[in-house]
Amino acid sequence: MIFNAFLPLLPQAAGAAAPGPVQQPNFLTALVPFALVFAIFYLLIIMPQRKKQKKHMEMVSNLAPGSRIVTTGGIYGTIMGVQKDKIELKIAANVKIDITKSSIGVILAGEAAPDKTE
């Protein structure tokens, strides 16, 4: 009696009444989720980083001797000289160091180099 309840399911389980061939999803349809993830990744991460990098490169290209800066390491100083890839930075009386241009964090606006000519 219990067996009779399962009889209608047996032909389908054996594959006798299988529908036609199963169609595979379209290749372009499978790529849509990947394209969406890449677009979101680009908008949220890559684009803002490029803007920030461009702004930093512009800031570094406008440096001139006498500007007060803070490095990414937290060192305050005054620019004494600018070369192609490095900057000579005065951090104390008779103390000068060379740093790379990429290590400049902030240009202190409105602060002039202190005059010690007294």
N, C-alpha and C. Protein backbone atom coordinates (compact mmCIF):
# COMPACT_ATOMS: atom_id res chain seq x y z
N MET A 1 0.81 -1.18 0.00
CA MET A 1 0.00 0.00 0.00
C MET A 1 0.86 1.26 0.00
N ILE A 2 1.86 1.26 0.79
CA ILE A 2 2.77 2.40 0.81
C ILE A 2 3.48 2.50 -0.54
N PHE A 3 3.78 1.33 -1.11
CA PHE A 3 4.46 1.29 -2.39
C PHE A 3 3.63 1.94 -3.48
N ASN A 4 2.31 1.79 -3.43
CA ASN A 4 1.42 2.37 -4.43
C ASN A 4 1.45 3.90 -4.42
N ALA A 5 1.78 4.50 -3.29
CA ALA A 5 1.84 5.96 -3.20
C ALA A 5 3.04 6.51 -3.96
N PHE A 6 4.09 5.68 -4.09
CA PHE A 6 5.30 6.12 -4.76
C PHE A 6 5.38 5.71 -6.23
N LEU A 7 4.43 4.95 -6.71
CA LEU A 7 4.45 4.48 -8.10
C LEU A 7 4.45 5.61 -9.13
N PRO A 8 3.67 6.67 -8.93
CA PRO A 8 3.73 7.73 -9.95
C PRO A 8 5.10 8.42 -10.04
N LEU A 9 5.91 8.34 -9.03
CA LEU A 9 7.21 8.99 -9.04
C LEU A 9 8.29 8.15 -9.71
N LEU A 10 8.10 6.86 -9.81
CA LEU A 10 9.13 5.98 -10.34
C LEU A 10 9.52 6.27 -11.79
N PRO A 11 8.60 6.48 -12.72
CA PRO A 11 9.05 6.74 -14.10
C PRO A 11 9.91 8.00 -14.22
N GLN A 12 9.61 9.02 -13.44
CA GLN A 12 10.43 10.23 -13.49
C GLN A 12 11.81 9.97 -12.90
N ALA A 13 11.88 9.20 -11.84
CA ALA A 13 13.16 8.91 -11.22
C ALA A 13 14.03 8.07 -12.13
N ALA A 14 13.44 7.22 -12.94
CA ALA A 14 14.20 6.37 -13.85
C ALA A 14 14.59 7.10 -15.12
N GLY A 15 14.04 8.27 -15.34
CA GLY A 15 14.39 9.06 -16.52
C GLY A 15 13.52 8.74 -17.71
N ALA A 16 12.48 8.01 -17.53
CA ALA A 16 11.63 7.64 -18.65
C ALA A 16 10.86 8.82 -19.20
N ALA A 17 10.45 9.73 -18.34
CA ALA A 17 9.64 10.86 -18.80
C ALA A 17 10.42 12.16 -18.69
N ALA A 18 11.69 12.12 -19.05
CA ALA A 18 12.53 13.31 -18.94
C ALA A 18 12.14 14.32 -20.01
N PRO A 19 12.07 15.59 -19.65
CA PRO A 19 11.78 16.60 -20.66
C PRO A 19 12.95 16.72 -21.63
N GLY A 20 12.84 17.58 -22.61
CA GLY A 20 13.87 17.76 -23.62
C GLY A 20 15.21 18.17 -23.00
N PRO A 21 16.19 18.44 -23.82
CA PRO A 21 17.52 18.79 -23.30
C PRO A 21 17.47 20.11 -22.50
N VAL A 22 18.27 20.16 -21.47
CA VAL A 22 18.32 21.34 -20.61
C VAL A 22 19.22 22.38 -21.28
N GLN A 23 18.73 23.59 -21.40
CA GLN A 23 19.50 24.65 -22.05
C GLN A 23 20.46 25.28 -21.05
N GLN A 24 21.66 25.52 -21.50
CA GLN A 24 22.66 26.20 -20.68
C GLN A 24 22.38 27.70 -20.71
N PRO A 25 22.69 28.40 -19.61
CA PRO A 25 22.48 29.85 -19.63
C PRO A 25 23.41 30.52 -20.64
N ASN A 26 22.99 31.63 -21.16
CA ASN A 26 23.77 32.39 -22.13
C ASN A 26 25.07 32.85 -21.48
N PHE A 27 26.16 32.85 -22.23
CA PHE A 27 27.48 33.25 -21.72
C PHE A 27 27.46 34.70 -21.23
N LEU A 28 26.81 35.58 -21.96
CA LEU A 28 26.73 36.98 -21.55
C LEU A 28 25.92 37.16 -20.27
N THR A 29 24.90 36.35 -20.10
CA THR A 29 24.10 36.42 -18.88
C THR A 29 24.92 36.02 -17.67
N ALA A 30 25.83 35.08 -17.84
CA ALA A 30 26.69 34.65 -16.74
C ALA A 30 27.71 35.72 -16.38
N LEU A 31 28.07 36.58 -17.31
CA LEU A 31 29.07 37.62 -17.05
C LEU A 31 28.49 38.87 -16.39
N VAL A 32 27.19 39.03 -16.41
CA VAL A 32 26.56 40.23 -15.84
C VAL A 32 26.89 40.42 -14.36
N PRO A 33 26.80 39.38 -13.51
CA PRO A 33 27.16 39.61 -12.10
C PRO A 33 28.62 40.05 -11.92
N PHE A 34 29.52 39.46 -12.71
CA PHE A 34 30.93 39.85 -12.61
C PHE A 34 31.14 41.30 -13.05
N ALA A 35 30.45 41.71 -14.08
CA ALA A 35 30.55 43.10 -14.55
C ALA A 35 30.00 44.07 -13.50
N LEU A 36 28.92 43.69 -12.85
CA LEU A 36 28.36 44.56 -11.79
C LEU A 36 29.32 44.68 -10.61
N VAL A 37 29.92 43.57 -10.21
CA VAL A 37 30.88 43.61 -9.10
C VAL A 37 32.08 44.49 -9.47
N PHE A 38 32.58 44.34 -10.69
CA PHE A 38 33.71 45.17 -11.12
C PHE A 38 33.33 46.64 -11.16
N ALA A 39 32.14 46.96 -11.64
CA ALA A 39 31.70 48.37 -11.71
C ALA A 39 31.59 48.97 -10.31
N ILE A 40 31.03 48.22 -9.38
CA ILE A 40 30.93 48.72 -8.00
C ILE A 40 32.31 48.88 -7.40
N PHE A 41 33.19 47.91 -7.62
CA PHE A 41 34.57 47.98 -7.12
C PHE A 41 35.27 49.21 -7.68
N TYR A 42 35.09 49.47 -8.98
CA TYR A 42 35.73 50.62 -9.61
C TYR A 42 35.22 51.93 -9.02
N LEU A 43 33.91 52.04 -8.86
CA LEU A 43 33.33 53.28 -8.35
C LEU A 43 33.66 53.55 -6.89
N LEU A 44 33.75 52.52 -6.09
CA LEU A 44 33.97 52.71 -4.66
C LEU A 44 35.43 52.72 -4.25
N ILE A 45 36.31 52.09 -5.02
CA ILE A 45 37.70 51.99 -4.59
C ILE A 45 38.68 52.64 -5.57
N ILE A 46 38.63 52.25 -6.81
CA ILE A 46 39.65 52.70 -7.77
C ILE A 46 39.52 54.18 -8.11
N MET A 47 38.32 54.64 -8.40
CA MET A 47 38.12 56.04 -8.81
C MET A 47 38.51 57.03 -7.70
N PRO A 48 38.07 56.85 -6.46
CA PRO A 48 38.50 57.79 -5.41
C PRO A 48 40.01 57.75 -5.17
N GLN A 49 40.64 56.58 -5.29
CA GLN A 49 42.08 56.49 -5.09
C GLN A 49 42.82 57.24 -6.18
N ARG A 50 42.35 57.15 -7.41
CA ARG A 50 42.99 57.90 -8.50
C ARG A 50 42.86 59.41 -8.29
N LYS A 51 41.70 59.86 -7.82
CA LYS A 51 41.51 61.29 -7.54
C LYS A 51 42.49 61.75 -6.46
N LYS A 52 42.61 60.95 -5.42
CA LYS A 52 43.50 61.30 -4.31
C LYS A 52 44.96 61.34 -4.78
N GLN A 53 45.35 60.37 -5.59
CA GLN A 53 46.72 60.32 -6.10
C GLN A 53 47.00 61.51 -7.01
N LYS A 54 46.05 61.87 -7.86
CA LYS A 54 46.23 63.01 -8.76
C LYS A 54 46.37 64.30 -7.97
N LYS A 55 45.56 64.46 -6.94
CA LYS A 55 45.62 65.66 -6.09
C LYS A 55 46.97 65.74 -5.38
N HIS A 56 47.47 64.61 -4.90
CA HIS A 56 48.78 64.59 -4.22
C HIS A 56 49.91 64.93 -5.18
N MET A 57 49.86 64.38 -6.39
CA MET A 57 50.90 64.67 -7.38
C MET A 57 50.89 66.16 -7.75
N GLU A 58 49.72 66.74 -7.85
CA GLU A 58 49.61 68.17 -8.15
C GLU A 58 50.18 69.00 -7.00
N MET A 59 49.87 68.60 -5.77
CA MET A 59 50.36 69.31 -4.59
C MET A 59 51.89 69.24 -4.54
N VAL A 60 52.46 68.07 -4.81
CA VAL A 60 53.91 67.90 -4.75
C VAL A 60 54.60 68.68 -5.86
N SER A 61 53.98 68.78 -7.02
CA SER A 61 54.62 69.50 -8.13
C SER A 61 54.65 71.01 -7.88
N ASN A 62 53.80 71.52 -6.98
CA ASN A 62 53.77 72.95 -6.70
C ASN A 62 54.61 73.35 -5.49
N LEU A 63 55.45 72.45 -5.00
CA LEU A 63 56.28 72.78 -3.84
C LEU A 63 57.40 73.73 -4.22
N ALA A 64 57.74 74.59 -3.29
CA ALA A 64 58.82 75.55 -3.50
C ALA A 64 59.59 75.71 -2.19
N PRO A 65 60.84 76.09 -2.28
CA PRO A 65 61.61 76.33 -1.06
C PRO A 65 60.91 77.37 -0.18
N GLY A 66 60.93 77.12 1.12
CA GLY A 66 60.28 78.01 2.07
C GLY A 66 58.92 77.51 2.52
N SER A 67 58.36 76.54 1.84
CA SER A 67 57.06 75.99 2.23
C SER A 67 57.20 75.13 3.47
N ARG A 68 56.22 75.24 4.36
CA ARG A 68 56.20 74.39 5.57
C ARG A 68 55.35 73.17 5.26
N ILE A 69 55.86 71.99 5.64
CA ILE A 69 55.15 70.75 5.36
C ILE A 69 55.18 69.83 6.57
N VAL A 70 54.34 68.80 6.49
CA VAL A 70 54.38 67.70 7.44
C VAL A 70 54.49 66.43 6.60
N THR A 71 55.45 65.57 6.94
CA THR A 71 55.61 64.32 6.20
C THR A 71 54.59 63.30 6.69
N THR A 72 54.47 62.21 5.95
CA THR A 72 53.55 61.15 6.36
C THR A 72 54.02 60.49 7.65
N GLY A 73 55.28 60.64 7.99
CA GLY A 73 55.81 60.12 9.25
C GLY A 73 55.60 61.07 10.41
N GLY A 74 55.08 62.27 10.15
CA GLY A 74 54.79 63.23 11.21
C GLY A 74 55.90 64.22 11.49
N ILE A 75 56.85 64.36 10.59
CA ILE A 75 57.96 65.29 10.78
C ILE A 75 57.58 66.64 10.19
N TYR A 76 57.64 67.70 11.00
CA TYR A 76 57.40 69.06 10.54
C TYR A 76 58.71 69.63 10.04
N GLY A 77 58.64 70.41 8.98
CA GLY A 77 59.86 71.01 8.47
C GLY A 77 59.58 72.05 7.41
N THR A 78 60.69 72.70 7.00
CA THR A 78 60.64 73.72 5.95
C THR A 78 61.45 73.23 4.77
N ILE A 79 60.91 73.36 3.59
CA ILE A 79 61.60 72.91 2.38
C ILE A 79 62.74 73.89 2.08
N MET A 80 63.92 73.32 1.93
CA MET A 80 65.09 74.13 1.59
C MET A 80 65.47 73.99 0.12
N GLY A 81 65.20 72.84 -0.47
CA GLY A 81 65.53 72.62 -1.87
C GLY A 81 64.67 71.51 -2.45
N VAL A 82 64.42 71.63 -3.74
CA VAL A 82 63.59 70.63 -4.44
C VAL A 82 64.39 70.08 -5.61
N GLN A 83 64.59 68.76 -5.63
CA GLN A 83 65.22 68.10 -6.76
C GLN A 83 64.16 67.30 -7.50
N LYS A 84 64.62 66.51 -8.47
CA LYS A 84 63.69 65.75 -9.32
C LYS A 84 62.86 64.76 -8.50
N ASP A 85 63.51 63.99 -7.64
CA ASP A 85 62.79 62.94 -6.93
C ASP A 85 62.86 63.06 -5.41
N LYS A 86 63.55 64.06 -4.90
CA LYS A 86 63.65 64.22 -3.45
C LYS A 86 63.62 65.69 -3.05
N ILE A 87 63.43 65.90 -1.76
CA ILE A 87 63.32 67.24 -1.20
C ILE A 87 64.26 67.35 -0.01
N GLU A 88 64.94 68.47 0.08
CA GLU A 88 65.78 68.73 1.25
C GLU A 88 64.91 69.48 2.25
N LEU A 89 64.78 68.91 3.44
CA LEU A 89 63.86 69.43 4.44
C LEU A 89 64.64 69.83 5.69
N LYS A 90 64.44 71.08 6.13
CA LYS A 90 65.07 71.56 7.36
C LYS A 90 64.09 71.30 8.49
N ILE A 91 64.53 70.48 9.47
CA ILE A 91 63.63 70.13 10.57
C ILE A 91 64.02 70.80 11.87
N ALA A 92 65.24 71.32 11.96
CA ALA A 92 65.70 72.05 13.14
C ALA A 92 66.90 72.89 12.71
N ALA A 93 67.41 73.69 13.62
CA ALA A 93 68.58 74.51 13.30
C ALA A 93 69.75 73.60 12.95
N ASN A 94 70.33 73.82 11.79
CA ASN A 94 71.46 73.05 11.29
C ASN A 94 71.16 71.56 11.13
N VAL A 95 69.91 71.19 10.96
CA VAL A 95 69.54 69.79 10.72
C VAL A 95 68.69 69.73 9.45
N LYS A 96 69.25 69.09 8.43
CA LYS A 96 68.55 68.95 7.17
C LYS A 96 68.51 67.47 6.81
N ILE A 97 67.39 67.04 6.26
CA ILE A 97 67.26 65.66 5.81
C ILE A 97 66.72 65.65 4.39
N ASP A 98 66.99 64.57 3.67
CA ASP A 98 66.43 64.38 2.34
C ASP A 98 65.29 63.39 2.44
N ILE A 99 64.16 63.73 1.84
CA ILE A 99 63.00 62.84 1.83
C ILE A 99 62.50 62.70 0.40
N THR A 100 61.76 61.65 0.14
CA THR A 100 61.16 61.48 -1.18
C THR A 100 59.93 62.37 -1.28
N LYS A 101 59.58 62.72 -2.49
CA LYS A 101 58.41 63.58 -2.69
C LYS A 101 57.12 62.88 -2.29
N SER A 102 57.09 61.57 -2.42
CA SER A 102 55.87 60.83 -2.08
C SER A 102 55.61 60.78 -0.58
N SER A 103 56.61 61.12 0.24
CA SER A 103 56.41 61.05 1.69
C SER A 103 55.86 62.35 2.27
N ILE A 104 55.49 63.30 1.43
CA ILE A 104 54.90 64.54 1.91
C ILE A 104 53.42 64.30 2.18
N GLY A 105 53.00 64.63 3.39
CA GLY A 105 51.62 64.41 3.76
C GLY A 105 50.76 65.64 3.57
N VAL A 106 51.19 66.77 4.16
CA VAL A 106 50.37 67.98 4.16
C VAL A 106 51.28 69.19 3.97
N ILE A 107 50.78 70.15 3.21
CA ILE A 107 51.45 71.45 3.14
C ILE A 107 50.71 72.37 4.10
N LEU A 108 51.43 72.94 5.03
CA LEU A 108 50.81 73.82 6.01
C LEU A 108 50.57 75.17 5.38
N ALA A 109 49.33 75.50 5.13
CA ALA A 109 48.96 76.76 4.49
C ALA A 109 48.94 77.88 5.51
N GLY A 110 49.33 79.04 5.10
CA GLY A 110 49.25 80.22 5.94
C GLY A 110 50.40 80.36 6.92
N GLU A 111 51.32 79.42 6.91
CA GLU A 111 52.47 79.52 7.81
C GLU A 111 53.70 79.81 6.99
N ALA A 112 54.35 80.87 7.29
CA ALA A 112 55.59 81.19 6.62
C ALA A 112 56.75 80.61 7.42
N ALA A 113 57.86 80.46 6.75
CA ALA A 113 59.04 79.96 7.44
C ALA A 113 59.49 81.00 8.46
N PRO A 114 59.80 80.59 9.68
CA PRO A 114 60.22 81.56 10.69
C PRO A 114 61.57 82.16 10.37
N ASP A 115 61.68 83.48 10.56
CA ASP A 115 62.96 84.17 10.33
C ASP A 115 63.77 84.14 11.61
N LYS A 116 65.01 83.70 11.49
CA LYS A 116 65.91 83.62 12.65
C LYS A 116 67.08 84.59 12.45
N THR A 117 66.80 85.77 11.94
CA THR A 117 67.87 86.73 11.63
C THR A 117 68.09 87.72 12.76
N GLU A 118 67.51 87.50 13.91
CA GLU A 118 67.68 88.46 15.01
C GLU A 118 69.01 88.42 15.62
